[in-house]
Amino acid sequence: MIEIVDADRCIACDRCIEVCPTRVFDRGPDGVPVIARHDSCQTCFQCEAYCPADALFVAPLATRAPAGSVFRDVTQLAAAGLLGGYRRELGWGQGRTLGARTAVGPPFPD
C-alpha cells in the first residue's frame, strides 16, 4: 500500500496521478501529489515504478502500515535505499541493468 510521497524529492510531474489505476492521488495546491484515497490503493507499485524522482514508497502490505513502522518513515527508507527500490528492481532509473532484449547477446535472426 502507498505510504510515502516525499515532497522534498517530488518534481510535481504528475506521473503517479496518471498511472494509478484506482485514482489514489490528487494534485496538491503546491503541485505535490497527496494520497487522497488511501484505501483505494491496490499495491500495484505503478506509481513507484513510474516516479522519475524516486519520491514514492509503496509498502509490500495489503493494509496501511501501523504508526511507527519503518514503512512510514521517509528518513529510514531513504537511508536504507528503499525509495526507488522497485524501480531499481525493474532495471529502471539510476543504476539500471540491461534488459532482456539486450542482455542475451546478438539479436534473433530475421
Protein backbone atom coordinates (compact mmCIF):
# COMPACT_ATOMS: atom_id res chain seq x y z
CA MET A 1 0.00 0.00 0.00
CA ILE A 2 1.23 3.51 -0.79
CA GLU A 3 2.83 5.02 2.30
CA ILE A 4 5.12 7.88 1.26
CA VAL A 5 5.06 10.87 -1.08
CA ASP A 6 8.32 12.66 -0.29
CA ALA A 7 7.64 16.33 -1.07
CA ASP A 8 11.38 17.11 -0.93
CA ARG A 9 12.10 14.70 -3.81
CA CYS A 10 8.90 15.20 -5.80
CA ILE A 11 9.22 17.18 -9.05
CA ALA A 12 5.43 17.58 -9.49
CA CYS A 13 5.40 15.73 -12.82
CA ASP A 14 2.01 14.07 -12.16
CA ARG A 15 3.19 10.65 -13.41
CA CYS A 16 1.88 8.92 -10.27
CA ILE A 17 -1.50 10.56 -10.73
CA GLU A 18 -1.60 9.49 -14.39
CA VAL A 19 -0.59 5.84 -13.91
CA CYS A 20 -2.60 4.99 -10.79
CA PRO A 21 -5.43 2.68 -11.88
CA THR A 22 -7.56 3.47 -8.83
CA ARG A 23 -7.01 7.25 -8.65
CA VAL A 24 -5.39 7.23 -5.21
CA PHE A 25 -3.73 10.65 -5.69
CA ASP A 26 -4.93 14.21 -6.04
CA ARG A 27 -2.67 17.07 -7.06
CA GLY A 28 -1.92 19.20 -4.02
CA PRO A 29 -2.02 23.01 -4.09
CA ASP A 30 1.80 23.09 -4.28
CA GLY A 31 1.84 20.57 -7.16
CA VAL A 32 2.94 17.68 -4.97
CA PRO A 33 0.52 14.74 -5.13
CA VAL A 34 -1.36 13.86 -1.97
CA ILE A 35 -2.69 10.45 -1.03
CA ALA A 36 -6.39 11.27 -1.18
CA ARG A 37 -7.91 7.78 -1.27
CA HIS A 38 -5.51 5.60 0.69
CA ASP A 39 -7.91 2.67 0.95
CA SER A 40 -8.21 2.54 -2.85
CA CYS A 41 -4.53 1.55 -3.24
CA GLN A 42 -4.18 -1.93 -4.72
CA THR A 43 -0.43 -2.16 -4.03
CA CYS A 44 0.28 -2.42 -7.76
CA PHE A 45 3.52 -0.38 -7.44
CA GLN A 46 2.83 1.53 -10.68
CA CYS A 47 3.20 4.93 -9.02
CA GLU A 48 6.56 3.97 -7.52
CA ALA A 49 7.75 2.39 -10.77
CA TYR A 50 6.99 5.46 -12.87
CA CYS A 51 8.20 8.13 -10.42
CA PRO A 52 11.33 9.63 -12.04
CA ALA A 53 12.41 11.24 -8.77
CA ASP A 54 12.06 8.18 -6.52
CA ALA A 55 9.75 10.20 -4.30
CA LEU A 56 7.23 7.44 -3.59
CA PHE A 57 7.25 4.32 -1.48
CA VAL A 58 4.74 1.51 -1.71
CA ALA A 59 4.99 -0.90 1.21
CA PRO A 60 4.56 -4.58 0.38
CA LEU A 61 1.44 -4.72 2.55
CA ALA A 62 -2.25 -5.07 1.74
CA THR A 63 -3.23 -2.64 4.51
CA ARG A 64 -1.70 0.56 5.80
CA ALA A 65 1.48 0.17 7.84
CA PRO A 66 0.97 0.85 11.55
CA ALA A 67 2.07 4.15 13.08
CA GLY A 68 5.76 4.00 13.93
CA SER A 69 6.51 1.47 11.18
CA VAL A 70 9.72 1.91 9.19
CA PHE A 71 7.46 1.82 6.12
CA ARG A 72 6.09 5.23 7.14
CA ASP A 73 9.44 6.88 7.96
CA VAL A 74 10.91 8.62 4.91
CA THR A 75 14.29 9.16 6.60
CA GLN A 76 14.75 5.48 7.39
CA LEU A 77 13.51 4.42 3.96
CA ALA A 78 15.93 6.78 2.23
CA ALA A 79 18.84 5.63 4.41
CA ALA A 80 18.04 2.00 3.61
CA GLY A 81 17.87 2.77 -0.12
CA LEU A 82 14.23 1.75 -0.33
CA LEU A 83 12.95 4.91 -2.01
CA GLY A 84 13.05 3.99 -5.68
CA GLY A 85 13.82 0.37 -4.80
CA TYR A 86 11.08 -1.02 -7.00
CA ARG A 87 12.37 0.97 -10.00
CA ARG A 88 15.85 -0.42 -9.45
CA GLU A 89 14.50 -3.97 -9.30
CA LEU A 90 12.78 -3.35 -12.63
CA GLY A 91 16.05 -2.03 -14.07
CA TRP A 92 14.64 1.50 -14.49
CA GLY A 93 16.32 4.72 -13.40
CA GLN A 94 19.77 5.16 -11.89
CA GLY A 95 21.96 2.10 -11.71
CA ARG A 96 19.80 0.24 -14.18
CA THR A 97 20.87 -3.03 -15.65
CA LEU A 98 20.46 -4.35 -19.15
CA GLY A 99 17.01 -5.58 -20.06
CA ALA A 100 16.21 -8.98 -21.51
CA ARG A 101 16.29 -7.65 -25.06
CA THR A 102 19.97 -6.68 -24.91
CA ALA A 103 21.32 -8.95 -22.20
CA VAL A 104 21.28 -12.25 -24.09
CA GLY A 105 23.63 -11.47 -26.93
CA PRO A 106 23.11 -10.87 -30.62
CA PRO A 107 19.63 -10.23 -31.99
CA PHE A 108 17.50 -13.10 -33.19
CA PRO A 109 17.72 -13.89 -36.91
CA ASP A 110 15.00 -12.43 -39.12
